Amino acid sequence: SRRTGTGSSLRAPVAVAAATSPLRAVLTTEWQLGESSEAGVSVQRLYDLIQPPDEDAFFDEIDALEEEGWLTIRNGRGDDDDLLFPAVEDGSLPAPEPAGRAAAATAASIFAGTAEQARLAAEAAAATAAAAVTAAAAESASLESASPPAVPFDLERHGEYDYAAEAAAVEAVVAVLTRLKCAGMDAADEKEIAALDAACARLEQVTALSPAPSLREDPRLEGAWEQVGCTSADFNTRKGLTGLGGAPFTSPAALFYCYDGGAVCAKEVLRLFGRPVLLNELRGEYGFSPDGALMQERFGDADLGGQRSSKEFAGATATTRHVCITADGAVRVAKVDAAAGVGAGGYLVYKRLAAGEMEAWLESKRRDGP
């Protein structure tokens, strides 16, 4: 049922228009790290943790999650005293769903820019839906026996963390990303680099006390990501990953990274005469510094310019400093540290891709042909 009030004890909501809602992530963390899976999380506590900018939307989302079957509500003496429980039967807790339908929809909507991007997103969604129909039986069986990995958030930091400030900082980053022509690697993007750098620096400051684990311990890294923003001068000069994007009549079109249990695969799509037709693929492994703050990718094999396992490729190494994965798992930010004689540094911004989204996009380009 609809709730009509929250009571005078609630603090005034922060006046921000959050690009994404942290409600699922906050609830899941409360259930995973405390004893709240048995005692429940009160609506009052959830409101205080999130401080939503839109009170009606806050209660609408709770009602929607109940209708979806993601949580259950046990009524208290008043709306503020209602308790929220995970809607599971086997005692396992839902994890924040970075690769789930809600997060995928969020990532698609906040990064939607041009009509071309919208068309490609629709194609990817249709292809993914078709694949899901044929694999429904197998997926159903596997989901019954396997649960998503839990994210080991820090309980103390979680209770004190300002999720609303993070959401506002993410929105500022996304606002700049939507103005980019090609993830900061096109000449037309140069005028936005300073704004993107400032927005990423603010997000880094806000997430310094995030309860999220180090990247080494965070299972949300696994899967596919698309690089959607970059302020690294070296990276922009190369016009992509391999440097081939700077060749005559060639420009970068898209850059994807896939992480799977220590293996990494980078796929660089280049435009030739304006059409995305060239695919370079680098394969290797990744690891972390002892404190989990630095990630290093070592590529030992590559398909370049249509040549499989090119003999011209002598290997490549990339080292970045982890900044954050946002509370909803939709955005990841890394930093290229400035080093003497190496480069000026900068930020790299990635968006989470839904299962099959990258493959569907690449297939659509193969279908279109040169």
Protein backbone atom coordinates (compact mmCIF):
# COMPACT_ATOMS: atom_id res chain seq x y z
CA SER A 1 0.00 0.00 0.00
CA ARG A 2 1.06 3.58 -0.56
CA ARG A 3 2.67 5.39 2.36
CA THR A 4 1.57 8.94 3.02
CA GLY A 5 4.17 10.25 5.45
CA THR A 6 7.54 9.58 7.03
CA GLY A 7 7.25 11.28 10.40
CA SER A 8 9.01 14.30 11.85
CA SER A 9 12.03 12.29 13.01
CA LEU A 10 13.41 11.97 9.49
CA ARG A 11 16.21 14.31 8.52
CA ALA A 12 15.61 16.69 5.63
CA PRO A 13 16.59 15.02 2.35
CA VAL A 14 19.68 16.25 0.55
CA ALA A 15 18.76 18.33 -2.49
CA VAL A 16 20.43 16.29 -5.20
CA ALA A 17 19.02 14.63 -8.30
CA ALA A 18 20.82 11.30 -8.08
CA ALA A 19 21.56 9.57 -11.36
CA THR A 20 21.25 6.15 -9.72
CA SER A 21 19.56 4.88 -6.58
CA PRO A 22 21.74 3.16 -3.97
CA LEU A 23 18.72 1.59 -2.24
CA ARG A 24 19.40 -2.00 -3.32
CA ALA A 25 23.10 -1.78 -2.51
CA VAL A 26 22.47 -0.24 0.92
CA LEU A 27 19.82 -2.79 1.85
CA THR A 28 21.95 -5.70 0.68
CA THR A 29 24.91 -4.45 2.66
CA GLU A 30 22.79 -4.08 5.79
CA TRP A 31 21.54 -7.64 5.36
CA GLN A 32 24.98 -9.09 4.58
CA LEU A 33 27.11 -7.37 7.20
CA GLY A 34 24.80 -7.02 10.15
CA GLU A 35 22.21 -9.24 11.72
CA SER A 36 19.53 -7.40 9.78
CA SER A 37 18.64 -10.42 7.65
CA GLU A 38 16.90 -11.79 10.74
CA ALA A 39 15.95 -8.56 12.49
CA GLY A 40 15.08 -6.66 9.33
CA VAL A 41 16.06 -3.13 8.26
CA SER A 42 13.67 -0.40 9.32
CA VAL A 43 12.42 2.09 6.76
CA GLN A 44 13.64 4.80 9.13
CA ARG A 45 17.23 3.49 9.09
CA LEU A 46 17.21 3.03 5.32
CA TYR A 47 15.97 6.60 4.86
CA ASP A 48 18.65 7.97 7.21
CA LEU A 49 21.41 6.08 5.37
CA ILE A 50 20.34 7.18 1.89
CA GLN A 51 18.71 10.56 2.56
CA PRO A 52 16.81 10.33 -0.74
CA PRO A 53 16.22 13.54 -2.71
CA ASP A 54 12.68 12.42 -3.61
CA GLU A 55 10.66 10.96 -0.73
CA ASP A 56 7.83 9.66 -2.92
CA ALA A 57 10.30 7.94 -5.26
CA PHE A 58 11.97 6.36 -2.21
CA PHE A 59 8.72 4.71 -1.07
CA ASP A 60 7.74 3.87 -4.65
CA GLU A 61 10.99 1.94 -5.08
CA ILE A 62 10.42 0.00 -1.85
CA ASP A 63 6.92 -0.93 -3.02
CA ALA A 64 8.26 -1.92 -6.45
CA LEU A 65 10.94 -4.15 -4.90
CA GLU A 66 8.25 -5.86 -2.83
CA GLU A 67 6.08 -6.44 -5.91
CA GLU A 68 9.13 -7.74 -7.77
CA GLY A 69 9.72 -10.27 -4.99
CA TRP A 70 13.14 -8.88 -4.06
CA LEU A 71 12.14 -8.02 -0.48
CA THR A 72 9.29 -8.48 1.96
CA ILE A 73 7.78 -5.89 4.28
CA ARG A 74 6.64 -6.56 7.84
CA ASN A 75 4.36 -3.75 8.98
CA GLY A 76 5.21 -1.91 12.19
CA ARG A 77 3.29 0.59 14.25
CA GLY A 78 3.88 3.23 11.59
CA ASP A 79 5.45 3.52 8.16
CA ASP A 80 8.81 4.44 9.67
CA ASP A 81 8.75 1.27 11.78
CA ASP A 82 8.10 -1.09 8.86
CA LEU A 83 10.86 -3.72 8.58
CA LEU A 84 12.39 -4.88 5.31
CA PHE A 85 13.62 -8.46 4.85
CA PRO A 86 15.34 -10.26 1.95
CA ALA A 87 12.79 -12.33 0.05
CA VAL A 88 14.75 -15.60 -0.06
CA GLU A 89 13.87 -19.06 1.14
CA ASP A 90 17.28 -20.73 1.44
CA GLY A 91 18.85 -18.22 3.82
CA SER A 92 21.22 -16.78 1.20
CA LEU A 93 21.25 -13.04 0.71
CA PRO A 94 20.95 -11.17 -2.58
CA ALA A 95 24.09 -9.35 -3.67
CA PRO A 96 24.07 -5.86 -5.17
CA GLU A 97 23.25 -6.55 -8.78
CA PRO A 98 25.91 -4.82 -10.90
CA ALA A 99 25.17 -7.14 -13.79
CA GLY A 100 21.44 -7.54 -13.03
CA ARG A 101 18.53 -6.18 -15.00
CA ALA A 102 18.07 -3.05 -12.87
CA ALA A 103 21.74 -2.08 -12.95
CA ALA A 104 22.00 -2.83 -16.66
CA ALA A 105 18.98 -0.64 -17.33
CA THR A 106 20.47 2.13 -15.20
CA ALA A 107 23.82 1.96 -16.98
CA ALA A 108 22.10 2.01 -20.37
CA SER A 109 19.92 4.99 -19.48
CA ILE A 110 22.52 7.23 -17.87
CA PHE A 111 24.99 6.75 -20.70
CA ALA A 112 22.45 7.03 -23.50
CA GLY A 113 23.48 9.90 -25.72
CA THR A 114 22.93 10.04 -29.44
CA ALA A 115 20.22 8.40 -31.52
CA GLU A 116 22.87 5.98 -32.81
CA GLN A 117 23.68 4.87 -29.27
CA ALA A 118 19.99 4.36 -28.55
CA ARG A 119 19.58 2.25 -31.70
CA LEU A 120 22.59 0.10 -30.81
CA ALA A 121 21.32 -0.32 -27.26
CA ALA A 122 17.98 -1.52 -28.62
CA GLU A 123 19.73 -4.00 -30.92
CA ALA A 124 21.82 -5.30 -28.04
CA ALA A 125 18.75 -5.68 -25.84
CA ALA A 126 16.88 -7.56 -28.56
CA ALA A 127 19.80 -9.91 -29.18
CA THR A 128 20.27 -10.52 -25.49
CA ALA A 129 16.55 -11.23 -25.05
CA ALA A 130 16.58 -13.72 -27.93
CA ALA A 131 19.59 -15.52 -26.47
CA ALA A 132 17.91 -15.58 -23.06
CA VAL A 133 14.86 -17.37 -24.48
CA THR A 134 16.95 -20.24 -25.87
CA ALA A 135 19.01 -20.54 -22.69
CA ALA A 136 16.17 -20.13 -20.18
CA ALA A 137 16.08 -23.75 -19.05
CA ALA A 138 19.83 -23.97 -18.47
CA GLU A 139 19.91 -20.64 -16.67
CA SER A 140 17.04 -21.65 -14.43
CA ALA A 141 18.87 -24.79 -13.35
CA SER A 142 22.13 -22.97 -12.69
CA LEU A 143 20.47 -20.15 -10.72
CA GLU A 144 18.87 -22.64 -8.39
CA SER A 145 22.24 -24.06 -7.40
CA ALA A 146 24.42 -20.92 -7.42
CA SER A 147 24.05 -17.55 -5.71
CA PRO A 148 25.68 -14.27 -6.80
CA PRO A 149 28.94 -13.58 -4.94
CA ALA A 150 28.59 -11.42 -1.86
CA VAL A 151 30.48 -8.12 -1.80
CA PRO A 152 32.44 -7.81 1.48
CA PHE A 153 31.57 -4.23 2.43
CA ASP A 154 33.01 -2.76 5.63
CA LEU A 155 30.21 -2.64 8.20
CA GLU A 156 31.45 0.35 10.18
CA ARG A 157 32.11 2.48 7.13
CA HIS A 158 28.79 1.44 5.59
CA GLY A 159 26.88 2.92 8.51
CA GLU A 160 28.66 6.26 8.19
CA TYR A 161 29.05 6.54 4.42
CA ASP A 162 27.32 9.35 2.52
CA TYR A 163 25.64 7.49 -0.33
CA ALA A 164 23.77 10.63 -1.43
CA ALA A 165 27.05 12.49 -1.92
CA GLU A 166 28.37 9.60 -4.02
CA ALA A 167 25.24 9.62 -6.18
CA ALA A 168 25.59 13.37 -6.76
CA ALA A 169 29.26 12.99 -7.68
CA VAL A 170 28.46 10.14 -10.10
CA GLU A 171 25.78 12.27 -11.72
CA ALA A 172 28.32 15.04 -12.32
CA VAL A 173 30.67 12.56 -14.02
CA VAL A 174 27.85 11.15 -16.16
CA ALA A 175 26.78 14.66 -17.19
CA VAL A 176 30.20 15.21 -18.77
CA LEU A 177 30.33 11.73 -20.32
CA THR A 178 27.11 12.33 -22.24
CA ARG A 179 28.77 15.30 -23.96
CA LEU A 180 31.73 13.27 -25.24
CA LYS A 181 31.88 12.11 -28.84
CA CYS A 182 34.17 9.15 -28.24
CA ALA A 183 35.07 8.58 -24.57
CA GLY A 184 37.44 11.55 -24.52
CA MET A 185 39.59 10.23 -27.38
CA ASP A 186 38.17 12.39 -30.17
CA ALA A 187 39.54 15.83 -30.96
CA ALA A 188 36.06 17.24 -30.32
CA ASP A 189 36.25 15.95 -26.73
CA GLU A 190 39.26 18.07 -25.75
CA LYS A 191 37.09 20.91 -24.49
CA GLU A 192 35.44 18.58 -21.96
CA ILE A 193 38.58 16.97 -20.52
CA ALA A 194 39.06 19.53 -17.74
CA ALA A 195 35.42 19.17 -16.64
CA LEU A 196 35.64 15.38 -16.64
CA ASP A 197 38.90 15.47 -14.70
CA ALA A 198 37.35 17.73 -12.05
CA ALA A 199 34.22 15.58 -11.77
CA CYS A 200 36.31 12.40 -11.38
CA ALA A 201 38.50 14.09 -8.77
CA ARG A 202 35.36 14.97 -6.79
CA LEU A 203 34.11 11.38 -7.05
CA GLU A 204 37.51 10.13 -5.86
CA GLN A 205 37.29 12.45 -2.85
CA VAL A 206 33.73 11.38 -1.98
CA THR A 207 34.44 7.64 -2.30
CA ALA A 208 37.66 7.74 -0.25
CA LEU A 209 35.66 6.43 2.72
CA SER A 210 33.53 4.00 0.71
CA PRO A 211 32.71 0.74 2.52
CA ALA A 212 33.46 -1.17 -0.69
CA PRO A 213 36.42 -3.57 -0.60
CA SER A 214 39.67 -3.16 -2.48
CA LEU A 215 39.43 -4.01 -6.17
CA ARG A 216 41.32 -7.25 -5.54
CA GLU A 217 38.56 -8.39 -3.15
CA ASP A 218 35.62 -6.99 -5.12
CA PRO A 219 33.80 -9.63 -7.22
CA ARG A 220 32.02 -6.88 -9.16
CA LEU A 221 35.14 -6.40 -11.31
CA GLU A 222 34.44 -9.69 -13.08
CA GLY A 223 32.61 -9.37 -16.39
CA ALA A 224 32.57 -6.88 -19.25
CA TRP A 225 33.15 -3.12 -19.09
CA GLU A 226 33.22 -0.40 -21.72
CA GLN A 227 35.60 2.53 -21.37
CA VAL A 228 33.41 5.61 -21.72
CA GLY A 229 35.67 8.39 -20.49
CA CYS A 230 39.36 9.26 -20.32
CA THR A 231 41.45 12.24 -19.22
CA SER A 232 44.87 10.64 -19.68
CA ALA A 233 46.89 12.73 -22.14
CA ASP A 234 48.98 9.70 -23.17
CA PHE A 235 45.90 7.59 -23.83
CA ASN A 236 44.23 10.37 -25.80
CA THR A 237 47.38 10.93 -27.87
CA ARG A 238 47.41 7.24 -28.82
CA LYS A 239 43.73 7.50 -29.77
CA GLY A 240 42.98 4.26 -27.98
CA LEU A 241 44.79 1.27 -26.62
CA THR A 242 47.15 0.22 -29.40
CA GLY A 243 47.94 3.53 -31.09
CA LEU A 244 46.43 2.29 -34.36
CA GLY A 245 43.47 4.63 -33.87
CA GLY A 246 45.72 7.52 -34.85
CA ALA A 247 46.50 6.13 -38.32
CA PRO A 248 45.27 8.04 -41.41
CA PHE A 249 41.50 7.79 -41.97
CA THR A 250 41.22 5.81 -38.71
CA SER A 251 39.67 6.75 -35.37
CA PRO A 252 38.58 4.93 -32.18
CA ALA A 253 35.00 3.64 -31.99
CA ALA A 254 34.78 1.60 -28.76
CA LEU A 255 36.99 -0.07 -26.18
CA PHE A 256 35.90 -3.04 -24.07
CA TYR A 257 37.56 -4.97 -21.23
CA CYS A 258 36.55 -8.42 -20.00
CA TYR A 259 37.83 -9.82 -16.70
CA ASP A 260 37.50 -13.48 -15.84
CA GLY A 261 39.33 -15.11 -12.94
CA GLY A 262 42.72 -13.48 -13.57
CA ALA A 263 42.44 -13.38 -17.38
CA VAL A 264 41.83 -10.11 -19.20
CA CYS A 265 40.81 -9.47 -22.80
CA ALA A 266 40.72 -5.97 -24.29
CA LYS A 267 38.81 -5.37 -27.53
CA GLU A 268 39.52 -2.15 -29.43
CA VAL A 269 37.11 -1.25 -32.25
CA LEU A 270 38.38 1.29 -34.78
CA ARG A 271 36.59 3.26 -37.46
CA LEU A 272 37.98 3.26 -40.97
CA PHE A 273 36.57 6.07 -43.11
CA GLY A 274 33.95 6.59 -40.42
CA ARG A 275 32.75 2.99 -40.14
CA PRO A 276 33.57 0.73 -37.13
CA VAL A 277 35.14 -2.19 -38.98
CA LEU A 278 38.53 -2.96 -37.41
CA LEU A 279 38.89 -5.02 -34.25
CA ASN A 280 42.13 -5.35 -32.30
CA GLU A 281 42.13 -7.83 -29.42
CA LEU A 282 44.73 -8.03 -26.64
CA ARG A 283 44.82 -11.03 -24.28
CA GLY A 284 46.68 -11.46 -21.04
CA GLU A 285 46.35 -11.59 -17.29
CA TYR A 286 45.82 -9.15 -14.45
CA GLY A 287 46.94 -8.94 -10.85
CA PHE A 288 47.06 -6.58 -7.90
CA SER A 289 49.48 -4.93 -5.50
CA PRO A 290 49.53 -6.37 -1.95
CA ASP A 291 47.17 -3.65 -0.68
CA GLY A 292 44.82 -4.16 -3.61
CA ALA A 293 45.03 -0.50 -4.65
CA LEU A 294 46.92 -1.04 -7.91
CA MET A 295 45.88 -3.31 -10.77
CA GLN A 296 48.31 -4.36 -13.47
CA GLU A 297 47.28 -5.83 -16.82
CA ARG A 298 49.93 -7.74 -18.77
CA PHE A 299 49.09 -8.52 -22.38
CA GLY A 300 51.19 -11.19 -24.10
CA ASP A 301 49.14 -11.99 -27.20
CA ALA A 302 47.23 -9.81 -29.64
CA ASP A 303 45.27 -9.81 -32.89
CA LEU A 304 46.20 -6.59 -34.68
CA GLY A 305 44.97 -5.22 -37.99
CA GLY A 306 43.29 -8.51 -38.90
CA GLN A 307 46.37 -10.63 -38.13
CA ARG A 308 45.82 -13.26 -35.44
CA SER A 309 48.50 -13.51 -32.76
CA SER A 310 50.51 -10.84 -34.50
CA LYS A 311 54.27 -11.40 -34.41
CA GLU A 312 54.69 -7.63 -34.40
CA PHE A 313 53.18 -7.44 -30.91
CA ALA A 314 55.93 -7.44 -28.29
CA GLY A 315 53.65 -7.28 -25.27
CA ALA A 316 52.19 -4.45 -23.22
CA THR A 317 51.64 -3.62 -19.56
CA ALA A 318 49.17 -1.19 -18.03
CA THR A 319 49.06 -0.20 -14.36
CA THR A 320 46.17 1.79 -12.85
CA ARG A 321 45.15 2.86 -9.37
CA HIS A 322 41.64 1.90 -8.32
CA VAL A 323 39.36 4.82 -7.46
CA CYS A 324 35.94 3.20 -7.02
CA ILE A 325 33.15 0.97 -8.19
CA THR A 326 29.94 2.84 -7.44
CA ALA A 327 27.44 1.53 -4.90
CA ASP A 328 25.15 0.15 -7.62
CA GLY A 329 28.07 -1.40 -9.50
CA ALA A 330 27.26 0.46 -12.73
CA VAL A 331 30.38 2.66 -12.94
CA ARG A 332 34.07 2.03 -12.31
CA VAL A 333 36.79 4.68 -12.17
CA ALA A 334 40.55 4.10 -12.28
CA LYS A 335 43.48 6.49 -12.23
CA VAL A 336 46.68 6.56 -14.22
CA ASP A 337 49.22 7.93 -11.75
CA ALA A 338 51.66 10.54 -12.97
CA ALA A 339 55.20 9.17 -12.89
CA ALA A 340 58.49 10.83 -13.72
CA GLY A 341 59.23 10.39 -17.38
CA VAL A 342 56.08 8.34 -17.98
CA GLY A 343 53.13 10.67 -18.41
CA ALA A 344 50.75 13.23 -16.99
CA GLY A 345 48.29 10.77 -15.51
CA GLY A 346 44.50 11.05 -15.62
CA TYR A 347 41.26 9.16 -15.02
CA LEU A 348 39.65 6.25 -16.87
CA VAL A 349 35.87 5.76 -16.57
CA TYR A 350 34.09 2.50 -17.38
CA LYS A 351 30.45 1.44 -17.47
CA ARG A 352 29.23 -2.05 -16.62
CA LEU A 353 27.82 -4.03 -19.53
CA ALA A 354 25.01 -6.52 -19.19
CA ALA A 355 25.66 -10.14 -20.08
CA GLY A 356 25.81 -10.44 -23.86
CA GLU A 357 25.69 -6.68 -24.49
CA MET A 358 29.23 -6.39 -25.85
CA GLU A 359 28.85 -9.47 -28.02
CA ALA A 360 25.57 -8.18 -29.45
CA TRP A 361 27.13 -4.81 -30.31
CA LEU A 362 30.10 -6.44 -32.04
CA GLU A 363 27.84 -8.82 -33.94
CA SER A 364 25.72 -5.89 -35.15
CA LYS A 365 28.87 -4.33 -36.64
CA ARG A 366 29.86 -7.59 -38.34
CA ARG A 367 26.35 -7.83 -39.77
CA ASP A 368 26.48 -4.30 -41.16
CA GLY A 369 29.77 -5.07 -42.91
CA PRO A 370 32.32 -2.57 -44.23
